[in-house]
Amino acid sequence: AAEIKVGIIDTSRVISESKAGKSAQVIFSKELETKNTAYSAKGKELQTIQEELTAKSSTMTAAQYSEKTAKYSKVKKELERMKSEMEEDLQTRNTELNRKLYTEISAIVSDYCKKENFTIILEKDYVAAYDGAIDITDKIIQLYDAKK
């Protein structure tokens, strides 16, 4: 019977601690910050219109009031649409970045498995209990960083 060699990897730790994972997080954070800035600006515009309506409604003509409430409704719809699109875009971008990282990590783990003659390498999240001595996460992070 052949010797069974088992390894455990914490992929989420590889992503959070590797150079590539940290770089992807920085990219995602910058994109999030840019979108949040635009969203905040639109929110301030909506707030300004609402404050004008509240403060000046008694001195506005019916036409002015109607125009301002129409503008308020338009900006509010734009803000809601912007939020929905922003959430969808960020989710898509996060998925893209993670898919790329997982693909790269998977290739490294596969090569390492063959090179070191592992029978199986399991993801830590799917293992009920294990001896920490078989955890190869640090080695995979080193290999991933070296590749990058």
Foldseek 3Di string as FASTA:
>chain_A
DDDAAEAEAALVCLLVPAPLNVVLVVVLVVLLVVLVVVLVVLVVVLVVLVVCCVPCVVVDDPVVNVVSVVVSVVSVVVSVVSVVVSVVVSVVSVVVSVVVSVVLLVVLVVVVCVVVVHPYYYYPVPDPDDDPVRYCHVVSSVVSNVVD
